[in-house]
Amino acid sequence: MAIEKIEKDVNGIKGLAVITPKVFGDARGYFVETYNKRDFDEAYGEEVIFVQDNQSSSTKGVLRGLHFQINHPQDKLVRVLSGEVYDVAIDLREGSPTFGKHFGVILSAENNKQFFIPKNFAHGFLVLSETAEFAYKVTDFYHPNDEGGLMWNDADLGVEWPLAEYGLTEADIKLSDKDKVNPGFQEYCKGR
């Protein structure tokens, strides 16, 4: 993957990275190499082995997250194939100096940015466009009985979702039944 730019340890959170691949375009359209293990490992500074690719399609106002796997944590490399999302990662690493701190970034088909999220982070995204296709690579297989989650709008997390800027209110947010009952951050901390 020809990388134009990599921002590592974004917002002072070790391990988080925003990657902008090089896009080659002409009158016919464009070409972008979305992943190349050698180039990714070299740019990121350590080897990462992905074992599964996932893809979802969602409509405006859908919020997926904030999710994590408890005993089988995954590194994730996420990107948007069409549309636009606000993507968020929250540090849940035991003993991390940035425990509970978050970072969010706009990912879109237009900006081609990718977001690398290391193991032991909660992750979620909000669809800002009418529809969005979201793709991600992970370093461990999905274990349905190993899921954890945090409430998307928990005041202790302080995530500033760009609702008003995209004509959304909290009433417009579409959650899965499971995500409607995710605990807040303080409850999560007590249960660890």
N, C-alpha and C. Protein backbone atom coordinates (compact mmCIF):
# COMPACT_ATOMS: atom_id res chain seq x y z
N MET A 1 0.86 -1.16 0.00
CA MET A 1 0.00 0.00 0.00
C MET A 1 0.90 1.21 0.00
N ALA A 2 0.83 1.97 -1.03
CA ALA A 2 1.61 3.19 -1.10
C ALA A 2 0.97 4.20 -0.14
N ILE A 3 1.73 4.56 0.88
CA ILE A 3 1.20 5.44 1.92
C ILE A 3 1.65 6.87 1.68
N GLU A 4 0.69 7.76 1.57
CA GLU A 4 1.00 9.18 1.41
C GLU A 4 1.39 9.78 2.76
N LYS A 5 0.66 9.37 3.82
CA LYS A 5 0.88 9.96 5.14
C LYS A 5 0.38 9.00 6.21
N ILE A 6 1.11 8.91 7.31
CA ILE A 6 0.64 8.17 8.48
C ILE A 6 0.82 9.06 9.70
N GLU A 7 -0.26 9.22 10.46
CA GLU A 7 -0.21 9.97 11.71
C GLU A 7 -0.30 8.93 12.83
N LYS A 8 0.79 8.76 13.55
CA LYS A 8 0.83 7.75 14.61
C LYS A 8 0.61 8.39 15.97
N ASP A 9 0.09 7.57 16.90
CA ASP A 9 -0.16 8.01 18.27
C ASP A 9 -1.02 9.28 18.30
N VAL A 10 -2.09 9.27 17.49
CA VAL A 10 -2.95 10.44 17.38
C VAL A 10 -3.60 10.77 18.71
N ASN A 11 -3.75 12.06 18.94
CA ASN A 11 -4.32 12.59 20.19
C ASN A 11 -3.54 12.11 21.42
N GLY A 12 -2.26 11.78 21.20
CA GLY A 12 -1.41 11.32 22.31
C GLY A 12 -1.72 9.91 22.77
N ILE A 13 -2.51 9.16 22.00
CA ILE A 13 -2.89 7.80 22.38
C ILE A 13 -2.01 6.82 21.61
N LYS A 14 -1.10 6.17 22.33
CA LYS A 14 -0.13 5.26 21.72
C LYS A 14 -0.83 4.15 20.95
N GLY A 15 -0.39 3.97 19.73
CA GLY A 15 -0.89 2.87 18.90
C GLY A 15 -1.94 3.26 17.88
N LEU A 16 -2.73 4.30 18.16
CA LEU A 16 -3.73 4.73 17.18
C LEU A 16 -3.03 5.38 16.00
N ALA A 17 -3.51 5.10 14.79
CA ALA A 17 -2.90 5.70 13.60
C ALA A 17 -3.96 6.00 12.54
N VAL A 18 -3.82 7.16 11.91
CA VAL A 18 -4.64 7.52 10.76
C VAL A 18 -3.73 7.46 9.54
N ILE A 19 -4.16 6.68 8.56
CA ILE A 19 -3.34 6.41 7.38
C ILE A 19 -4.04 6.96 6.15
N THR A 20 -3.30 7.71 5.35
CA THR A 20 -3.82 8.20 4.08
C THR A 20 -3.02 7.53 2.97
N PRO A 21 -3.64 6.61 2.21
CA PRO A 21 -2.91 5.97 1.12
C PRO A 21 -2.79 6.91 -0.08
N LYS A 22 -1.82 6.63 -0.94
CA LYS A 22 -1.69 7.40 -2.18
C LYS A 22 -2.79 6.96 -3.12
N VAL A 23 -3.42 7.93 -3.76
CA VAL A 23 -4.46 7.67 -4.75
C VAL A 23 -3.92 8.13 -6.10
N PHE A 24 -3.98 7.23 -7.07
CA PHE A 24 -3.51 7.54 -8.42
C PHE A 24 -4.74 7.71 -9.31
N GLY A 25 -4.93 8.92 -9.83
CA GLY A 25 -6.12 9.18 -10.63
C GLY A 25 -5.81 9.84 -11.95
N ASP A 26 -6.73 9.63 -12.89
CA ASP A 26 -6.67 10.31 -14.18
C ASP A 26 -8.11 10.42 -14.70
N ALA A 27 -8.26 10.75 -15.95
CA ALA A 27 -9.59 10.95 -16.53
C ALA A 27 -10.45 9.69 -16.47
N ARG A 28 -9.83 8.53 -16.34
CA ARG A 28 -10.58 7.27 -16.30
C ARG A 28 -11.15 6.95 -14.93
N GLY A 29 -10.58 7.57 -13.89
CA GLY A 29 -10.99 7.26 -12.52
C GLY A 29 -9.77 7.26 -11.61
N TYR A 30 -9.71 6.28 -10.70
CA TYR A 30 -8.58 6.24 -9.77
C TYR A 30 -8.21 4.80 -9.44
N PHE A 31 -7.01 4.65 -8.84
CA PHE A 31 -6.54 3.38 -8.32
C PHE A 31 -5.91 3.67 -6.96
N VAL A 32 -6.21 2.81 -5.99
CA VAL A 32 -5.59 2.91 -4.67
C VAL A 32 -5.34 1.49 -4.15
N GLU A 33 -4.14 1.27 -3.66
CA GLU A 33 -3.84 0.00 -3.00
C GLU A 33 -4.26 0.17 -1.54
N THR A 34 -5.28 -0.55 -1.13
CA THR A 34 -5.85 -0.33 0.20
C THR A 34 -5.10 -1.05 1.31
N TYR A 35 -4.34 -2.07 0.97
CA TYR A 35 -3.54 -2.76 2.00
C TYR A 35 -2.40 -3.52 1.34
N ASN A 36 -1.23 -3.38 1.94
CA ASN A 36 -0.05 -4.14 1.56
C ASN A 36 0.69 -4.40 2.87
N LYS A 37 0.78 -5.65 3.27
CA LYS A 37 1.34 -6.01 4.57
C LYS A 37 2.73 -5.42 4.79
N ARG A 38 3.61 -5.55 3.82
CA ARG A 38 4.98 -5.05 3.97
C ARG A 38 4.98 -3.54 4.22
N ASP A 39 4.25 -2.79 3.40
CA ASP A 39 4.23 -1.34 3.53
C ASP A 39 3.55 -0.90 4.83
N PHE A 40 2.45 -1.59 5.19
CA PHE A 40 1.75 -1.23 6.43
C PHE A 40 2.65 -1.47 7.64
N ASP A 41 3.26 -2.66 7.73
CA ASP A 41 4.12 -2.98 8.87
C ASP A 41 5.30 -2.01 8.98
N GLU A 42 5.87 -1.67 7.84
CA GLU A 42 7.00 -0.73 7.84
C GLU A 42 6.57 0.65 8.32
N ALA A 43 5.45 1.14 7.82
CA ALA A 43 4.97 2.48 8.21
C ALA A 43 4.51 2.50 9.66
N TYR A 44 3.84 1.43 10.10
CA TYR A 44 3.32 1.41 11.47
C TYR A 44 4.43 1.12 12.48
N GLY A 45 5.43 0.34 12.08
CA GLY A 45 6.56 0.07 12.96
C GLY A 45 6.50 -1.25 13.69
N GLU A 46 5.52 -2.08 13.39
CA GLU A 46 5.48 -3.43 13.95
C GLU A 46 4.62 -4.30 13.06
N GLU A 47 4.82 -5.62 13.18
CA GLU A 47 4.07 -6.56 12.35
C GLU A 47 2.66 -6.74 12.87
N VAL A 48 1.71 -6.70 11.96
CA VAL A 48 0.30 -6.92 12.27
C VAL A 48 -0.21 -7.97 11.29
N ILE A 49 -0.86 -9.01 11.82
CA ILE A 49 -1.36 -10.08 10.96
C ILE A 49 -2.88 -10.12 11.04
N PHE A 50 -3.51 -9.75 9.94
CA PHE A 50 -4.97 -9.76 9.85
C PHE A 50 -5.46 -11.14 9.43
N VAL A 51 -6.60 -11.58 10.01
CA VAL A 51 -7.12 -12.91 9.72
C VAL A 51 -8.54 -12.90 9.16
N GLN A 52 -9.19 -11.75 9.17
CA GLN A 52 -10.59 -11.69 8.74
C GLN A 52 -10.91 -10.30 8.23
N ASP A 53 -11.70 -10.24 7.14
CA ASP A 53 -12.21 -8.97 6.60
C ASP A 53 -13.71 -8.94 6.82
N ASN A 54 -14.23 -7.78 7.20
CA ASN A 54 -15.67 -7.60 7.43
C ASN A 54 -16.14 -6.37 6.66
N GLN A 55 -17.44 -6.34 6.36
CA GLN A 55 -18.01 -5.20 5.66
C GLN A 55 -19.45 -5.03 6.12
N SER A 56 -19.87 -3.77 6.26
CA SER A 56 -21.26 -3.50 6.62
C SER A 56 -21.78 -2.35 5.78
N SER A 57 -23.10 -2.29 5.67
CA SER A 57 -23.77 -1.19 5.00
C SER A 57 -24.80 -0.63 5.98
N SER A 58 -24.86 0.68 6.09
CA SER A 58 -25.75 1.31 7.05
C SER A 58 -26.31 2.61 6.48
N THR A 59 -27.40 3.07 7.08
CA THR A 59 -28.02 4.32 6.66
C THR A 59 -27.68 5.44 7.65
N LYS A 60 -27.98 6.66 7.25
CA LYS A 60 -27.67 7.83 8.07
C LYS A 60 -28.27 7.70 9.47
N GLY A 61 -27.46 8.02 10.47
CA GLY A 61 -27.90 7.96 11.85
C GLY A 61 -27.65 6.64 12.53
N VAL A 62 -27.25 5.61 11.77
CA VAL A 62 -26.91 4.33 12.40
C VAL A 62 -25.60 4.51 13.16
N LEU A 63 -25.61 4.08 14.40
CA LEU A 63 -24.40 4.10 15.22
C LEU A 63 -24.11 2.67 15.65
N ARG A 64 -22.97 2.18 15.21
CA ARG A 64 -22.54 0.82 15.56
C ARG A 64 -21.43 0.95 16.59
N GLY A 65 -21.70 0.50 17.80
CA GLY A 65 -20.69 0.58 18.84
C GLY A 65 -21.27 1.11 20.13
N LEU A 66 -20.43 1.28 21.02
CA LEU A 66 -18.97 1.15 21.04
C LEU A 66 -18.64 -0.29 21.47
N HIS A 67 -17.97 -1.06 20.62
CA HIS A 67 -17.76 -2.49 20.84
C HIS A 67 -16.30 -2.84 21.10
N PHE A 68 -16.12 -3.97 21.78
CA PHE A 68 -14.80 -4.56 21.96
C PHE A 68 -14.98 -6.04 22.28
N GLN A 69 -13.93 -6.82 22.06
CA GLN A 69 -13.92 -8.23 22.47
C GLN A 69 -13.09 -8.32 23.76
N ILE A 70 -13.57 -9.10 24.71
CA ILE A 70 -12.99 -9.13 26.05
C ILE A 70 -11.74 -10.01 26.11
N ASN A 71 -11.88 -11.28 25.76
CA ASN A 71 -10.77 -12.23 25.88
C ASN A 71 -10.06 -12.49 24.56
N HIS A 72 -10.62 -12.03 23.48
CA HIS A 72 -10.04 -12.19 22.15
C HIS A 72 -9.96 -10.83 21.47
N PRO A 73 -9.17 -9.90 22.03
CA PRO A 73 -9.13 -8.55 21.47
C PRO A 73 -8.57 -8.55 20.05
N GLN A 74 -8.98 -7.56 19.29
CA GLN A 74 -8.59 -7.45 17.88
C GLN A 74 -7.97 -6.10 17.58
N ASP A 75 -6.88 -6.11 16.79
CA ASP A 75 -6.46 -4.90 16.11
C ASP A 75 -7.42 -4.76 14.94
N LYS A 76 -7.72 -3.51 14.54
CA LYS A 76 -8.62 -3.26 13.42
C LYS A 76 -8.01 -2.21 12.50
N LEU A 77 -8.18 -2.41 11.21
CA LEU A 77 -7.85 -1.41 10.21
C LEU A 77 -9.15 -1.12 9.47
N VAL A 78 -9.72 0.07 9.67
CA VAL A 78 -11.06 0.38 9.17
C VAL A 78 -11.00 1.45 8.09
N ARG A 79 -11.98 1.38 7.17
CA ARG A 79 -12.08 2.37 6.10
C ARG A 79 -13.50 2.39 5.58
N VAL A 80 -13.82 3.43 4.82
CA VAL A 80 -15.15 3.59 4.23
C VAL A 80 -15.04 3.42 2.72
N LEU A 81 -15.90 2.56 2.18
CA LEU A 81 -15.92 2.31 0.73
C LEU A 81 -16.82 3.29 0.00
N SER A 82 -17.94 3.66 0.64
CA SER A 82 -18.83 4.68 0.09
C SER A 82 -19.48 5.42 1.24
N GLY A 83 -19.70 6.71 1.06
CA GLY A 83 -20.31 7.51 2.11
C GLY A 83 -19.30 8.08 3.07
N GLU A 84 -19.79 8.39 4.29
CA GLU A 84 -18.97 9.08 5.29
C GLU A 84 -19.42 8.68 6.69
N VAL A 85 -18.45 8.46 7.57
CA VAL A 85 -18.74 8.12 8.97
C VAL A 85 -17.83 8.91 9.89
N TYR A 86 -18.26 9.01 11.15
CA TYR A 86 -17.39 9.51 12.22
C TYR A 86 -17.00 8.28 13.02
N ASP A 87 -15.70 7.98 13.04
CA ASP A 87 -15.18 6.76 13.65
C ASP A 87 -14.45 7.10 14.94
N VAL A 88 -14.72 6.32 16.00
CA VAL A 88 -14.20 6.62 17.34
C VAL A 88 -13.54 5.39 17.95
N ALA A 89 -12.41 5.60 18.62
CA ALA A 89 -11.74 4.56 19.39
C ALA A 89 -11.50 5.08 20.81
N ILE A 90 -11.72 4.21 21.81
CA ILE A 90 -11.54 4.57 23.23
C ILE A 90 -10.56 3.59 23.85
N ASP A 91 -9.53 4.12 24.47
CA ASP A 91 -8.48 3.31 25.07
C ASP A 91 -9.00 2.59 26.32
N LEU A 92 -9.01 1.25 26.27
CA LEU A 92 -9.41 0.43 27.42
C LEU A 92 -8.25 -0.44 27.90
N ARG A 93 -7.03 -0.09 27.54
CA ARG A 93 -5.86 -0.89 27.92
C ARG A 93 -5.53 -0.70 29.40
N GLU A 94 -5.46 -1.81 30.09
CA GLU A 94 -5.12 -1.83 31.51
C GLU A 94 -3.79 -1.12 31.74
N GLY A 95 -3.75 -0.15 32.63
CA GLY A 95 -2.51 0.55 32.96
C GLY A 95 -2.07 1.61 31.97
N SER A 96 -2.83 1.83 30.92
CA SER A 96 -2.46 2.83 29.92
C SER A 96 -2.60 4.23 30.51
N PRO A 97 -1.64 5.13 30.24
CA PRO A 97 -1.77 6.50 30.73
C PRO A 97 -2.92 7.26 30.06
N THR A 98 -3.44 6.72 28.96
CA THR A 98 -4.56 7.36 28.27
C THR A 98 -5.85 6.52 28.40
N PHE A 99 -5.91 5.69 29.44
CA PHE A 99 -7.10 4.86 29.69
C PHE A 99 -8.35 5.75 29.73
N GLY A 100 -9.36 5.38 28.95
CA GLY A 100 -10.61 6.15 28.91
C GLY A 100 -10.60 7.32 27.94
N LYS A 101 -9.44 7.64 27.39
CA LYS A 101 -9.35 8.74 26.44
C LYS A 101 -9.76 8.24 25.05
N HIS A 102 -10.30 9.15 24.23
CA HIS A 102 -10.76 8.74 22.91
C HIS A 102 -10.21 9.64 21.82
N PHE A 103 -10.38 9.16 20.61
CA PHE A 103 -10.04 9.93 19.42
C PHE A 103 -11.08 9.59 18.36
N GLY A 104 -11.52 10.60 17.61
CA GLY A 104 -12.47 10.39 16.52
C GLY A 104 -11.97 11.04 15.24
N VAL A 105 -12.34 10.43 14.12
CA VAL A 105 -11.90 10.91 12.82
C VAL A 105 -13.00 10.68 11.78
N ILE A 106 -13.12 11.60 10.85
CA ILE A 106 -14.04 11.42 9.73
C ILE A 106 -13.36 10.52 8.70
N LEU A 107 -14.03 9.44 8.35
CA LEU A 107 -13.57 8.55 7.28
C LEU A 107 -14.60 8.62 6.17
N SER A 108 -14.13 8.74 4.93
CA SER A 108 -15.07 8.80 3.82
C SER A 108 -14.45 8.18 2.58
N ALA A 109 -15.30 7.86 1.62
CA ALA A 109 -14.82 7.38 0.33
C ALA A 109 -14.01 8.48 -0.36
N GLU A 110 -14.35 9.72 -0.06
CA GLU A 110 -13.67 10.85 -0.68
C GLU A 110 -12.26 11.07 -0.12
N ASN A 111 -12.09 10.98 1.23
CA ASN A 111 -10.76 11.26 1.78
C ASN A 111 -9.87 10.02 1.84
N ASN A 112 -10.44 8.82 1.63
CA ASN A 112 -9.69 7.56 1.59
C ASN A 112 -8.90 7.25 2.86
N LYS A 113 -9.12 7.98 3.94
CA LYS A 113 -8.37 7.72 5.17
C LYS A 113 -8.75 6.37 5.76
N GLN A 114 -7.77 5.76 6.42
CA GLN A 114 -7.97 4.53 7.15
C GLN A 114 -7.57 4.79 8.60
N PHE A 115 -8.18 4.04 9.51
CA PHE A 115 -7.94 4.23 10.93
C PHE A 115 -7.50 2.89 11.50
N PHE A 116 -6.30 2.86 12.09
CA PHE A 116 -5.81 1.64 12.74
C PHE A 116 -6.04 1.76 14.23
N ILE A 117 -6.74 0.75 14.77
CA ILE A 117 -7.11 0.73 16.18
C ILE A 117 -6.51 -0.53 16.81
N PRO A 118 -5.60 -0.39 17.76
CA PRO A 118 -4.97 -1.56 18.37
C PRO A 118 -5.93 -2.35 19.26
N LYS A 119 -5.46 -3.49 19.70
CA LYS A 119 -6.21 -4.33 20.64
C LYS A 119 -6.58 -3.53 21.89
N ASN A 120 -7.68 -3.95 22.51
CA ASN A 120 -8.12 -3.40 23.80
C ASN A 120 -8.57 -1.94 23.72
N PHE A 121 -9.22 -1.62 22.62
CA PHE A 121 -9.90 -0.35 22.45
C PHE A 121 -11.37 -0.65 22.18
N ALA A 122 -12.27 0.19 22.67
CA ALA A 122 -13.66 0.14 22.23
C ALA A 122 -13.72 0.92 20.93
N HIS A 123 -14.59 0.49 20.02
CA HIS A 123 -14.66 1.10 18.70
C HIS A 123 -16.11 1.24 18.27
N GLY A 124 -16.39 2.34 17.58
CA GLY A 124 -17.72 2.53 17.01
C GLY A 124 -17.70 3.59 15.95
N PHE A 125 -18.78 3.63 15.17
CA PHE A 125 -18.88 4.67 14.14
C PHE A 125 -20.33 5.08 13.94
N LEU A 126 -20.48 6.33 13.53
CA LEU A 126 -21.78 6.94 13.23
C LEU A 126 -21.82 7.28 11.75
N VAL A 127 -22.88 6.85 11.06
CA VAL A 127 -23.02 7.14 9.64
C VAL A 127 -23.55 8.56 9.46
N LEU A 128 -22.81 9.37 8.70
CA LEU A 128 -23.12 10.77 8.50
C LEU A 128 -23.78 11.04 7.15
N SER A 129 -23.54 10.17 6.18
CA SER A 129 -24.11 10.32 4.84
C SER A 129 -25.41 9.52 4.75
N GLU A 130 -26.11 9.64 3.64
CA GLU A 130 -27.38 8.92 3.49
C GLU A 130 -27.19 7.41 3.65
N THR A 131 -26.10 6.88 3.11
CA THR A 131 -25.71 5.49 3.31
C THR A 131 -24.18 5.44 3.40
N ALA A 132 -23.66 4.37 3.95
CA ALA A 132 -22.21 4.18 4.00
C ALA A 132 -21.90 2.69 3.99
N GLU A 133 -20.86 2.35 3.26
CA GLU A 133 -20.31 1.00 3.30
C GLU A 133 -18.99 1.09 4.04
N PHE A 134 -18.84 0.23 5.03
CA PHE A 134 -17.72 0.27 5.96
C PHE A 134 -17.00 -1.07 5.87
N ALA A 135 -15.67 -1.06 5.75
CA ALA A 135 -14.89 -2.29 5.65
C ALA A 135 -13.77 -2.27 6.68
N TYR A 136 -13.48 -3.43 7.25
CA TYR A 136 -12.39 -3.49 8.21
C TYR A 136 -11.75 -4.87 8.27
N LYS A 137 -10.45 -4.83 8.56
CA LYS A 137 -9.64 -6.03 8.76
C LYS A 137 -9.43 -6.19 10.26
N VAL A 138 -9.38 -7.45 10.73
CA VAL A 138 -9.16 -7.71 12.16
C VAL A 138 -8.11 -8.80 12.34
N THR A 139 -7.46 -8.80 13.51
CA THR A 139 -6.37 -9.74 13.77
C THR A 139 -6.79 -10.96 14.60
N ASP A 140 -8.06 -11.06 14.94
CA ASP A 140 -8.57 -12.27 15.60
C ASP A 140 -9.98 -12.51 15.07
N PHE A 141 -10.41 -13.74 15.17
CA PHE A 141 -11.73 -14.09 14.68
C PHE A 141 -12.80 -13.58 15.65
N TYR A 142 -13.99 -13.39 15.13
CA TYR A 142 -15.11 -12.93 15.93
C TYR A 142 -15.59 -14.04 16.84
N HIS A 143 -15.77 -13.74 18.10
CA HIS A 143 -16.29 -14.67 19.10
C HIS A 143 -17.56 -14.05 19.69
N PRO A 144 -18.75 -14.52 19.27
CA PRO A 144 -20.00 -13.86 19.67
C PRO A 144 -20.25 -13.83 21.17
N ASN A 145 -19.67 -14.74 21.92
CA ASN A 145 -19.89 -14.76 23.38
C ASN A 145 -18.83 -13.96 24.12
N ASP A 146 -18.04 -13.20 23.41
CA ASP A 146 -16.91 -12.47 24.00
C ASP A 146 -17.05 -10.96 23.80
N GLU A 147 -18.25 -10.50 23.52
CA GLU A 147 -18.46 -9.09 23.21
C GLU A 147 -18.64 -8.24 24.46
N GLY A 148 -18.10 -7.04 24.37
CA GLY A 148 -18.36 -6.02 25.37
C GLY A 148 -18.78 -4.75 24.66
N GLY A 149 -19.35 -3.83 25.42
CA GLY A 149 -19.76 -2.58 24.80
C GLY A 149 -19.84 -1.46 25.83
N LEU A 150 -19.84 -0.25 25.33
CA LEU A 150 -20.01 0.96 26.15
C LEU A 150 -21.10 1.81 25.52
N MET A 151 -21.83 2.54 26.35
CA MET A 151 -22.89 3.41 25.86
C MET A 151 -22.27 4.54 25.03
N TRP A 152 -22.79 4.74 23.86
CA TRP A 152 -22.22 5.67 22.88
C TRP A 152 -22.18 7.11 23.36
N ASN A 153 -23.16 7.51 24.17
CA ASN A 153 -23.26 8.91 24.57
C ASN A 153 -22.98 9.11 26.06
N ASP A 154 -22.20 8.23 26.65
CA ASP A 154 -21.89 8.32 28.07
C ASP A 154 -21.10 9.62 28.35
N ALA A 155 -21.56 10.40 29.30
CA ALA A 155 -20.94 11.70 29.61
C ALA A 155 -19.51 11.53 30.10
N ASP A 156 -19.20 10.44 30.78
CA ASP A 156 -17.84 10.23 31.27
C ASP A 156 -16.84 10.02 30.14
N LEU A 157 -17.31 9.50 29.02
CA LEU A 157 -16.42 9.33 27.86
C LEU A 157 -16.24 10.65 27.12
N GLY A 158 -17.28 11.44 27.06
CA GLY A 158 -17.19 12.77 26.46
C GLY A 158 -16.96 12.80 24.96
N VAL A 159 -17.41 11.77 24.24
CA VAL A 159 -17.25 11.78 22.79
C VAL A 159 -18.18 12.84 22.20
N GLU A 160 -17.61 13.71 21.40
CA GLU A 160 -18.39 14.77 20.75
C GLU A 160 -18.75 14.32 19.33
N TRP A 161 -19.83 13.55 19.24
CA TRP A 161 -20.30 13.08 17.94
C TRP A 161 -20.80 14.29 17.14
N PRO A 162 -20.47 14.40 15.87
CA PRO A 162 -20.86 15.59 15.08
C PRO A 162 -22.31 15.51 14.60
N LEU A 163 -23.23 15.56 15.53
CA LEU A 163 -24.64 15.40 15.19
C LEU A 163 -25.19 16.62 14.45
N ALA A 164 -25.15 17.77 15.10
CA ALA A 164 -25.76 18.98 14.53
C ALA A 164 -25.15 19.33 13.17
N GLU A 165 -23.85 19.13 13.02
CA GLU A 165 -23.18 19.47 11.76
C GLU A 165 -23.72 18.67 10.59
N TYR A 166 -24.34 17.53 10.88
CA TYR A 166 -24.86 16.66 9.83
C TYR A 166 -26.39 16.53 9.90
N GLY A 167 -27.04 17.48 10.58
CA GLY A 167 -28.49 17.50 10.64
C GLY A 167 -29.09 16.37 11.46
N LEU A 168 -28.36 15.90 12.46
CA LEU A 168 -28.82 14.81 13.32
C LEU A 168 -29.04 15.30 14.75
N THR A 169 -29.93 14.62 15.46
CA THR A 169 -30.11 14.83 16.89
C THR A 169 -29.97 13.46 17.55
N GLU A 170 -29.91 13.43 18.88
CA GLU A 170 -29.83 12.14 19.57
C GLU A 170 -31.04 11.26 19.24
N ALA A 171 -32.20 11.87 18.99
CA ALA A 171 -33.40 11.11 18.64
C ALA A 171 -33.26 10.40 17.29
N ASP A 172 -32.36 10.87 16.43
CA ASP A 172 -32.15 10.26 15.11
C ASP A 172 -31.22 9.05 15.15
N ILE A 173 -30.53 8.85 16.26
CA ILE A 173 -29.55 7.77 16.34
C ILE A 173 -30.26 6.41 16.34
N LYS A 174 -29.79 5.53 15.46
CA LYS A 174 -30.35 4.18 15.34
C LYS A 174 -29.35 3.18 15.90
N LEU A 175 -29.74 2.51 16.99
CA LEU A 175 -28.89 1.54 17.67
C LEU A 175 -29.48 0.14 17.57
N SER A 176 -28.62 -0.86 17.65
CA SER A 176 -29.11 -2.23 17.77
C SER A 176 -29.70 -2.39 19.18
N ASP A 177 -30.55 -3.40 19.37
CA ASP A 177 -31.10 -3.64 20.71
C ASP A 177 -29.99 -3.85 21.72
N LYS A 178 -28.95 -4.55 21.31
CA LYS A 178 -27.81 -4.81 22.19
C LYS A 178 -27.12 -3.52 22.61
N ASP A 179 -26.93 -2.59 21.66
CA ASP A 179 -26.22 -1.35 21.96
C ASP A 179 -27.06 -0.39 22.81
N LYS A 180 -28.37 -0.56 22.81
CA LYS A 180 -29.23 0.29 23.64
C LYS A 180 -29.02 0.04 25.13
N VAL A 181 -28.47 -1.11 25.49
CA VAL A 181 -28.29 -1.44 26.91
C VAL A 181 -26.82 -1.55 27.32
N ASN A 182 -25.92 -1.04 26.49
CA ASN A 182 -24.50 -1.03 26.86
C ASN A 182 -24.31 -0.22 28.14
N PRO A 183 -23.39 -0.63 29.00
CA PRO A 183 -23.15 0.13 30.23
C PRO A 183 -22.38 1.43 29.97
N GLY A 184 -22.44 2.32 30.95
CA GLY A 184 -21.61 3.51 30.91
C GLY A 184 -20.19 3.17 31.32
N PHE A 185 -19.30 4.14 31.16
CA PHE A 185 -17.88 3.92 31.44
C PHE A 185 -17.62 3.59 32.91
N GLN A 186 -18.27 4.29 33.84
CA GLN A 186 -18.06 4.02 35.27
C GLN A 186 -18.51 2.60 35.63
N GLU A 187 -19.63 2.17 35.08
CA GLU A 187 -20.11 0.81 35.33
C GLU A 187 -19.13 -0.21 34.77
N TYR A 188 -18.60 0.06 33.57
CA TYR A 188 -17.59 -0.81 32.97
C TYR A 188 -16.37 -0.90 33.88
N CYS A 189 -15.91 0.23 34.38
CA CYS A 189 -14.71 0.24 35.24
C CYS A 189 -14.93 -0.55 36.53
N LYS A 190 -16.11 -0.47 37.11
CA LYS A 190 -16.42 -1.22 38.34
C LYS A 190 -16.44 -2.71 38.09
N GLY A 191 -16.83 -3.13 36.89
CA GLY A 191 -16.96 -4.55 36.59
C GLY A 191 -15.69 -5.22 36.11
N ARG A 192 -14.63 -4.48 35.97
CA ARG A 192 -13.37 -5.07 35.45
C ARG A 192 -12.70 -5.93 36.48
